[in-house]
Amino acid sequence: MLIDFNKAKEVTMPGMNHGTGMMTAKMYMDEKGKIIPTRIHAGGSIGMHRQDSGDDINYILSGEGKAICDGKEEILKPGYAISVLKDQNIALSIQAKKISLC
């Protein structure tokens, strides 16, 4: 199946789960899963939360930041991916530049 994110509506919102700053995302979702290309703007974050909606894989396209997953800090850089399993606790924060995730 082809998904054309060029036609998807882009939404800008405050950081999720009591995070800081702003983020911009496009979303595709069906009964089997979801794909959400996301940009967390400079200095922004997604607050600590329990991953309730299923497993996630966050692939870093650009920028740098860090993730805290079940208490362990991971550095995020382009080409890295972080796997977050259902029921794990996760938070993402961004340093000087914005970060793009897919």
C-alpha atoms as a PDB file:
ATOM      1  CA  MET A   1       0.000   0.000   0.000  1.00  0.00           C
ATOM      2  CA  LEU A   2       1.262   3.456  -0.921  1.00  0.00           C
ATOM      3  CA  ILE A   3       0.805   6.271   1.609  1.00  0.00           C
ATOM      4  CA  ASP A   4       1.328   9.788   0.223  1.00  0.00           C
ATOM      5  CA  PHE A   5       2.311  12.008   3.149  1.00  0.00           C
ATOM      6  CA  ASN A   6       2.536  14.953   0.718  1.00  0.00           C
ATOM      7  CA  LYS A   7      -1.277  14.973   0.817  1.00  0.00           C
ATOM      8  CA  ALA A   8      -1.601  14.422   4.586  1.00  0.00           C
ATOM      9  CA  LYS A   9      -2.686  17.343   6.749  1.00  0.00           C
ATOM     10  CA  GLU A  10       0.122  18.720   8.914  1.00  0.00           C
ATOM     11  CA  VAL A  11      -0.833  19.643  12.484  1.00  0.00           C
ATOM     12  CA  THR A  12       1.230  21.765  14.908  1.00  0.00           C
ATOM     13  CA  MET A  13       0.533  21.304  18.617  1.00  0.00           C
ATOM     14  CA  PRO A  14       2.132  21.699  22.045  1.00  0.00           C
ATOM     15  CA  GLY A  15       4.485  18.925  23.198  1.00  0.00           C
ATOM     16  CA  MET A  16       2.570  15.740  23.971  1.00  0.00           C
ATOM     17  CA  ASN A  17       2.073  14.270  27.438  1.00  0.00           C
ATOM     18  CA  HIS A  18       2.871  17.516  29.263  1.00  0.00           C
ATOM     19  CA  GLY A  19       6.001  18.061  27.175  1.00  0.00           C
ATOM     20  CA  THR A  20       7.424  21.488  26.364  1.00  0.00           C
ATOM     21  CA  GLY A  21       7.568  23.516  23.176  1.00  0.00           C
ATOM     22  CA  MET A  22       5.840  22.612  19.937  1.00  0.00           C
ATOM     23  CA  MET A  23       5.751  19.676  17.560  1.00  0.00           C
ATOM     24  CA  THR A  24       4.450  19.214  14.029  1.00  0.00           C
ATOM     25  CA  ALA A  25       3.106  15.901  12.738  1.00  0.00           C
ATOM     26  CA  LYS A  26       1.272  14.145   9.914  1.00  0.00           C
ATOM     27  CA  MET A  27      -0.601  10.959  10.749  1.00  0.00           C
ATOM     28  CA  TYR A  28      -1.668   7.776   8.993  1.00  0.00           C
ATOM     29  CA  MET A  29      -3.598   5.269  11.087  1.00  0.00           C
ATOM     30  CA  ASP A  30      -5.628   2.142  10.387  1.00  0.00           C
ATOM     31  CA  GLU A  31      -6.665  -0.946  12.367  1.00  0.00           C
ATOM     32  CA  LYS A  32      -3.183  -2.503  11.968  1.00  0.00           C
ATOM     33  CA  GLY A  33      -1.076   0.398  13.145  1.00  0.00           C
ATOM     34  CA  LYS A  34       0.037   3.969  12.616  1.00  0.00           C
ATOM     35  CA  ILE A  35       2.808   5.968  10.975  1.00  0.00           C
ATOM     36  CA  ILE A  36       3.430   9.488  12.260  1.00  0.00           C
ATOM     37  CA  PRO A  37       6.233  11.589  10.750  1.00  0.00           C
ATOM     38  CA  THR A  38       6.912  14.116  13.535  1.00  0.00           C
ATOM     39  CA  ARG A  39       9.114  17.171  14.058  1.00  0.00           C
ATOM     40  CA  ILE A  40       9.789  18.180  17.644  1.00  0.00           C
ATOM     41  CA  HIS A  41      10.826  21.851  17.489  1.00  0.00           C
ATOM     42  CA  ALA A  42      14.057  23.099  19.100  1.00  0.00           C
ATOM     43  CA  GLY A  43      13.942  22.889  22.886  1.00  0.00           C
ATOM     44  CA  GLY A  44      10.724  20.856  22.788  1.00  0.00           C
ATOM     45  CA  SER A  45       9.891  17.535  24.378  1.00  0.00           C
ATOM     46  CA  ILE A  46       7.341  14.774  24.681  1.00  0.00           C
ATOM     47  CA  GLY A  47       6.778  14.266  28.407  1.00  0.00           C
ATOM     48  CA  MET A  48       7.243  11.023  30.310  1.00  0.00           C
ATOM     49  CA  HIS A  49       4.353   8.673  29.623  1.00  0.00           C
ATOM     50  CA  ARG A  50       3.432   5.003  29.444  1.00  0.00           C
ATOM     51  CA  GLN A  51       3.300   3.642  25.885  1.00  0.00           C
ATOM     52  CA  ASP A  52      -0.288   2.368  25.980  1.00  0.00           C
ATOM     53  CA  SER A  53      -1.211   2.338  22.294  1.00  0.00           C
ATOM     54  CA  GLY A  54       1.121  -0.476  21.201  1.00  0.00           C
ATOM     55  CA  ASP A  55       4.759  -0.781  20.194  1.00  0.00           C
ATOM     56  CA  ASP A  56       6.475   2.209  18.532  1.00  0.00           C
ATOM     57  CA  ILE A  57       9.656   2.519  16.530  1.00  0.00           C
ATOM     58  CA  ASN A  58      11.017   6.057  16.293  1.00  0.00           C
ATOM     59  CA  TYR A  59      13.539   6.498  13.477  1.00  0.00           C
ATOM     60  CA  ILE A  60      15.601   9.699  13.662  1.00  0.00           C
ATOM     61  CA  LEU A  61      15.748  11.493  10.305  1.00  0.00           C
ATOM     62  CA  SER A  62      17.509  14.675  11.457  1.00  0.00           C
ATOM     63  CA  GLY A  63      18.497  16.598  14.570  1.00  0.00           C
ATOM     64  CA  GLU A  64      19.712  15.379  17.937  1.00  0.00           C
ATOM     65  CA  GLY A  65      18.127  14.740  21.301  1.00  0.00           C
ATOM     66  CA  LYS A  66      17.690  12.112  23.962  1.00  0.00           C
ATOM     67  CA  ALA A  67      15.132   9.579  25.050  1.00  0.00           C
ATOM     68  CA  ILE A  68      14.563   8.142  28.489  1.00  0.00           C
ATOM     69  CA  CYS A  69      13.007   4.704  28.237  1.00  0.00           C
ATOM     70  CA  ASP A  70      12.256   2.860  31.486  1.00  0.00           C
ATOM     71  CA  GLY A  71      14.857   5.033  33.240  1.00  0.00           C
ATOM     72  CA  LYS A  72      17.676   4.459  30.706  1.00  0.00           C
ATOM     73  CA  GLU A  73      18.903   7.494  28.754  1.00  0.00           C
ATOM     74  CA  GLU A  74      19.600   7.046  25.035  1.00  0.00           C
ATOM     75  CA  ILE A  75      21.189   9.650  22.737  1.00  0.00           C
ATOM     76  CA  LEU A  76      19.277  10.209  19.487  1.00  0.00           C
ATOM     77  CA  LYS A  77      21.066  11.038  16.201  1.00  0.00           C
ATOM     78  CA  PRO A  78      20.194  10.700  12.508  1.00  0.00           C
ATOM     79  CA  GLY A  79      20.202   7.062  11.435  1.00  0.00           C
ATOM     80  CA  TYR A  80      19.358   5.776  14.930  1.00  0.00           C
ATOM     81  CA  ALA A  81      16.051   4.188  15.867  1.00  0.00           C
ATOM     82  CA  ILE A  82      14.533   3.635  19.277  1.00  0.00           C
ATOM     83  CA  SER A  83      12.051   0.848  19.906  1.00  0.00           C
ATOM     84  CA  VAL A  84       9.446   1.473  22.588  1.00  0.00           C
ATOM     85  CA  LEU A  85       7.361  -1.530  23.590  1.00  0.00           C
ATOM     86  CA  LYS A  86       3.805  -1.335  24.813  1.00  0.00           C
ATOM     87  CA  ASP A  87       3.684  -0.547  28.564  1.00  0.00           C
ATOM     88  CA  GLN A  88       7.205   0.955  28.668  1.00  0.00           C
ATOM     89  CA  ASN A  89       7.703   4.473  30.057  1.00  0.00           C
ATOM     90  CA  ILE A  90       9.236   6.946  27.592  1.00  0.00           C
ATOM     91  CA  ALA A  91      10.150  10.646  27.314  1.00  0.00           C
ATOM     92  CA  LEU A  92      11.876  12.439  24.415  1.00  0.00           C
ATOM     93  CA  SER A  93      13.691  15.772  24.630  1.00  0.00           C
ATOM     94  CA  ILE A  94      15.444  17.855  22.031  1.00  0.00           C
ATOM     95  CA  GLN A  95      18.544  19.965  22.445  1.00  0.00           C
ATOM     96  CA  ALA A  96      19.452  22.944  20.218  1.00  0.00           C
ATOM     97  CA  LYS A  97      17.984  21.814  16.887  1.00  0.00           C
ATOM     98  CA  LYS A  98      14.642  20.359  15.938  1.00  0.00           C
ATOM     99  CA  ILE A  99      14.475  16.618  15.442  1.00  0.00           C
ATOM    100  CA  SER A 100      12.489  14.748  12.809  1.00  0.00           C
ATOM    101  CA  LEU A 101      11.143  11.294  13.658  1.00  0.00           C
ATOM    102  CA  CYS A 102       9.337   8.749  11.597  1.00  0.00           C
END
